Amino acid sequence: MNTAKAIGEVAGKSITRALAHSTKVVPLNMPEWERWFNFKTFNDPQLMRMLEAAARFILDVRAGNRCPWQVLVGSTNAGKTHLARRCWQWWDRAGKWKKILGKFGEANVVRSGQFVRWVDFIRECYNKDSSRADDLIDDEFVVIDDIGAGTDTRKWMADKLYAIVEHRCDAPNKSTLITANLSLEQIAAEFDPRIAGRLIRNGSDKVVNVKVPDFCLRK
């Protein structure tokens, strides 16, 4: 997809309006998304693409589209975790609520979701507690942050990570956002080639690989 076309601005479009009409593919007002995510792109095409990917992920979840999926990989301190946390905060405050029509009228239900730092999950498994693994497979909304963490345990954790992404990448009612300070090639080499393959199963446009300076060095 041509980045210039994908990030075309629509004057007067607000984030709220975009969310309300997210069943359609709409051009994004990137300055507003920058404010909403509190994320500066410095007009860097890679950062703009990453921001757009995070915004479209939220729009897909909000619209109830099939299997919202986004993977952000690459440079450390690029802003991947910042965007992932903002997506999680939106879900935790607003996205998790779903209206259903029951026997006695309309009701709000809370859908399951979680934000997990991969290194924390590794620590839990080391301590003989792998109960979270089932939730990471089953929850409707999951953010897994920094799967490159825990360098001495990548091979050991490969099977668990593979099971999670395998069960989620084609699930129609599950939304998944994954970040890593590794490239797909590094994930294949240091975890398992099958994992890298699952990460791109929903299309190469669902994986954003950034190589940008550390946030503190940007101007």
Protein backbone atom coordinates (compact mmCIF):
# COMPACT_ATOMS: atom_id res chain seq x y z
CA MET A 1 0.00 0.00 0.00
CA ASN A 2 1.32 3.43 -0.92
CA THR A 3 2.00 5.25 2.33
CA ALA A 4 1.21 8.67 0.91
CA LYS A 5 -2.25 7.53 -0.15
CA ALA A 6 -2.86 5.55 3.03
CA ILE A 7 -2.30 8.51 5.31
CA GLY A 8 -4.27 11.08 3.34
CA GLU A 9 -5.94 13.62 5.61
CA VAL A 10 -9.61 14.51 5.69
CA ALA A 11 -10.23 18.02 6.99
CA GLY A 12 -12.63 18.16 9.89
CA LYS A 13 -12.64 14.40 10.55
CA SER A 14 -12.25 13.68 14.24
CA ILE A 15 -11.10 10.46 15.88
CA THR A 16 -14.58 9.97 17.32
CA ARG A 17 -16.16 10.27 13.89
CA ALA A 18 -13.62 7.85 12.43
CA LEU A 19 -14.44 5.31 15.10
CA ALA A 20 -18.17 5.72 14.50
CA HIS A 21 -17.75 5.02 10.78
CA SER A 22 -14.96 2.47 11.03
CA THR A 23 -16.88 -0.20 9.11
CA LYS A 24 -15.52 1.52 5.99
CA VAL A 25 -11.94 2.05 4.93
CA VAL A 26 -11.41 5.75 5.48
CA PRO A 27 -8.42 8.03 5.05
CA LEU A 28 -6.88 8.92 8.38
CA ASN A 29 -6.29 12.36 9.80
CA MET A 30 -2.78 11.63 11.01
CA PRO A 31 -2.24 14.83 13.06
CA GLU A 32 -5.30 13.94 15.12
CA TRP A 33 -4.09 10.39 15.62
CA GLU A 34 -0.72 11.79 16.70
CA ARG A 35 -2.51 13.77 19.38
CA TRP A 36 -4.73 10.85 20.37
CA PHE A 37 -1.78 8.49 20.77
CA ASN A 38 0.44 11.29 22.15
CA PHE A 39 3.02 10.13 19.62
CA LYS A 40 5.32 12.28 17.51
CA THR A 41 6.26 10.99 14.07
CA PHE A 42 8.57 13.88 13.16
CA ASN A 43 7.27 13.28 9.59
CA ASP A 44 9.34 10.09 9.48
CA PRO A 45 7.63 7.73 6.98
CA GLN A 46 8.38 4.66 9.11
CA LEU A 47 6.94 6.18 12.26
CA MET A 48 3.92 7.44 10.33
CA ARG A 49 3.34 3.94 8.99
CA MET A 50 3.61 2.48 12.49
CA LEU A 51 1.17 5.05 13.88
CA GLU A 52 -1.25 4.40 11.02
CA ALA A 53 -1.06 0.66 11.67
CA ALA A 54 -1.93 1.15 15.35
CA ALA A 55 -4.82 3.47 14.43
CA ARG A 56 -6.24 1.04 11.87
CA PHE A 57 -5.92 -1.79 14.40
CA ILE A 58 -8.17 0.13 16.80
CA LEU A 59 -10.60 0.91 14.00
CA ASP A 60 -10.75 -2.78 13.04
CA VAL A 61 -11.45 -3.78 16.64
CA ARG A 62 -14.07 -1.07 17.04
CA ALA A 63 -15.82 -2.10 13.82
CA GLY A 64 -15.90 -5.76 14.83
CA ASN A 65 -13.87 -6.78 11.78
CA ARG A 66 -12.63 -10.33 11.47
CA CYS A 67 -9.40 -11.12 13.36
CA PRO A 68 -7.83 -7.67 13.92
CA TRP A 69 -4.09 -8.34 13.89
CA GLN A 70 -1.02 -6.12 14.09
CA VAL A 71 2.68 -6.81 14.66
CA LEU A 72 5.18 -4.01 15.35
CA VAL A 73 8.84 -5.08 15.17
CA GLY A 74 12.28 -3.51 14.85
CA SER A 75 14.35 -0.84 16.57
CA THR A 76 14.39 -0.39 20.33
CA ASN A 77 12.81 2.82 21.68
CA ALA A 78 10.91 3.37 18.43
CA GLY A 79 7.60 3.81 20.25
CA LYS A 80 6.11 0.34 19.72
CA THR A 81 5.31 -0.22 23.39
CA HIS A 82 3.91 3.30 23.71
CA LEU A 83 1.44 2.67 20.88
CA ALA A 84 0.60 -0.80 22.23
CA ARG A 85 -0.15 0.58 25.68
CA ARG A 86 -2.37 3.28 24.22
CA CYS A 87 -4.32 0.62 22.31
CA TRP A 88 -4.70 -1.35 25.52
CA GLN A 89 -5.85 1.72 27.46
CA TRP A 90 -8.53 2.36 24.84
CA TRP A 91 -9.73 -1.24 25.12
CA ASP A 92 -9.70 -1.24 28.93
CA ARG A 93 -11.67 2.00 29.15
CA ALA A 94 -14.07 1.68 26.24
CA GLY A 95 -13.42 -1.10 23.74
CA LYS A 96 -14.17 -4.04 26.03
CA TRP A 97 -17.82 -3.07 26.49
CA LYS A 98 -20.29 -4.74 24.14
CA LYS A 99 -24.01 -4.24 23.95
CA ILE A 100 -26.11 -7.38 23.60
CA LEU A 101 -29.86 -7.84 23.31
CA GLY A 102 -31.14 -10.24 25.91
CA LYS A 103 -34.47 -11.53 27.13
CA PHE A 104 -35.02 -8.47 29.29
CA GLY A 105 -33.63 -5.87 26.91
CA GLU A 106 -30.23 -4.44 26.10
CA ALA A 107 -27.28 -5.09 28.38
CA ASN A 108 -23.55 -4.33 28.48
CA VAL A 109 -21.10 -7.20 28.79
CA VAL A 110 -17.38 -7.03 29.40
CA ARG A 111 -15.16 -8.86 26.93
CA SER A 112 -11.94 -10.47 28.11
CA GLY A 113 -8.56 -8.93 27.40
CA GLN A 114 -5.08 -8.34 28.77
CA PHE A 115 -1.79 -6.56 28.25
CA VAL A 116 1.21 -8.75 29.06
CA ARG A 117 4.92 -8.06 29.03
CA TRP A 118 6.56 -11.16 27.59
CA VAL A 119 9.34 -11.07 30.18
CA ASP A 120 6.72 -11.20 32.96
CA PHE A 121 5.07 -14.21 31.36
CA ILE A 122 8.46 -15.94 31.14
CA ARG A 123 9.06 -15.25 34.83
CA GLU A 124 5.67 -16.74 35.73
CA CYS A 125 6.43 -19.88 33.73
CA TYR A 126 9.82 -20.19 35.42
CA ASN A 127 7.96 -20.13 38.72
CA LYS A 128 5.80 -23.06 37.57
CA ASP A 129 2.77 -20.90 36.80
CA SER A 130 1.77 -21.13 33.15
CA SER A 131 -1.94 -20.51 33.76
CA ARG A 132 -1.84 -17.26 31.83
CA ALA A 133 -1.05 -19.18 28.62
CA ASP A 134 -4.66 -20.33 28.26
CA ASP A 135 -5.92 -16.76 28.69
CA LEU A 136 -3.46 -15.49 26.08
CA ILE A 137 -4.98 -18.01 23.68
CA ASP A 138 -8.63 -17.47 24.61
CA ASP A 139 -9.06 -13.77 25.49
CA GLU A 140 -10.81 -11.59 22.92
CA PHE A 141 -8.21 -8.81 23.05
CA VAL A 142 -4.52 -9.43 23.75
CA VAL A 143 -1.43 -7.25 23.62
CA ILE A 144 1.88 -9.09 23.97
CA ASP A 145 4.72 -6.64 24.44
CA ASP A 146 8.38 -7.23 23.59
CA ILE A 147 8.59 -10.90 22.67
CA GLY A 148 12.33 -10.32 22.17
CA ALA A 149 12.83 -10.05 25.94
CA GLY A 150 14.42 -12.88 27.88
CA THR A 151 17.21 -13.76 25.46
CA ASP A 152 18.30 -16.83 27.38
CA THR A 153 14.82 -18.34 27.26
CA ARG A 154 13.75 -17.86 23.65
CA LYS A 155 14.17 -21.51 22.65
CA TRP A 156 12.55 -22.67 25.85
CA MET A 157 9.53 -20.43 25.34
CA ALA A 158 9.21 -20.99 21.58
CA ASP A 159 6.54 -23.69 21.91
CA LYS A 160 4.36 -21.53 24.16
CA LEU A 161 4.68 -18.52 21.87
CA TYR A 162 3.94 -20.64 18.83
CA ALA A 163 0.79 -22.06 20.47
CA ILE A 164 -0.45 -18.56 21.29
CA VAL A 165 0.06 -17.06 17.83
CA GLU A 166 -1.16 -20.23 16.09
CA HIS A 167 -4.47 -20.15 17.94
CA ARG A 168 -4.97 -16.41 17.56
CA CYS A 169 -3.85 -15.55 14.03
CA ASP A 170 -6.95 -16.98 12.33
CA ALA A 171 -9.51 -16.65 15.12
CA PRO A 172 -12.35 -14.45 13.79
CA ASN A 173 -13.36 -12.93 17.13
CA LYS A 174 -9.92 -12.32 18.61
CA SER A 175 -7.83 -9.14 18.36
CA THR A 176 -4.06 -9.34 18.74
CA LEU A 177 -1.27 -6.79 18.90
CA ILE A 178 2.35 -7.97 19.28
CA THR A 179 5.56 -5.97 19.62
CA ALA A 180 9.19 -7.11 19.42
CA ASN A 181 12.61 -5.50 19.40
CA LEU A 182 13.58 -8.04 16.75
CA SER A 183 13.09 -8.33 13.03
CA LEU A 184 11.08 -11.20 11.55
CA GLU A 185 14.35 -12.77 10.47
CA GLN A 186 15.67 -12.62 14.03
CA ILE A 187 12.43 -14.06 15.39
CA ALA A 188 12.74 -16.96 12.96
CA ALA A 189 16.35 -17.58 13.95
CA GLU A 190 16.10 -17.08 17.71
CA PHE A 191 12.60 -18.45 18.35
CA ASP A 192 11.24 -20.61 15.55
CA PRO A 193 10.67 -20.07 11.79
CA ARG A 194 7.07 -21.21 12.29
CA ILE A 195 6.43 -18.25 14.60
CA ALA A 196 7.65 -15.74 12.04
CA GLY A 197 5.42 -17.45 9.47
CA ARG A 198 2.34 -17.15 11.69
CA LEU A 199 3.04 -13.48 12.37
CA ILE A 200 2.70 -12.69 8.65
CA ARG A 201 -0.14 -15.11 7.93
CA ASN A 202 -2.69 -12.28 7.82
CA GLY A 203 -0.62 -10.38 5.27
CA SER A 204 2.68 -8.53 5.16
CA ASP A 205 0.79 -5.26 5.65
CA LYS A 206 -0.06 -6.47 9.16
CA VAL A 207 3.62 -6.42 10.11
CA VAL A 208 5.43 -3.09 10.45
CA ASN A 209 9.22 -3.30 10.71
CA VAL A 210 10.87 -0.04 11.74
CA LYS A 211 14.52 0.95 11.74
CA VAL A 212 14.65 4.40 13.28
CA PRO A 213 16.85 6.31 15.76
CA ASP A 214 16.20 6.04 19.47
CA PHE A 215 13.36 8.34 20.56
CA CYS A 216 15.78 10.46 22.62
CA LEU A 217 17.85 11.19 19.49
CA ARG A 218 14.97 12.36 17.28
CA LYS A 219 14.41 15.97 16.41
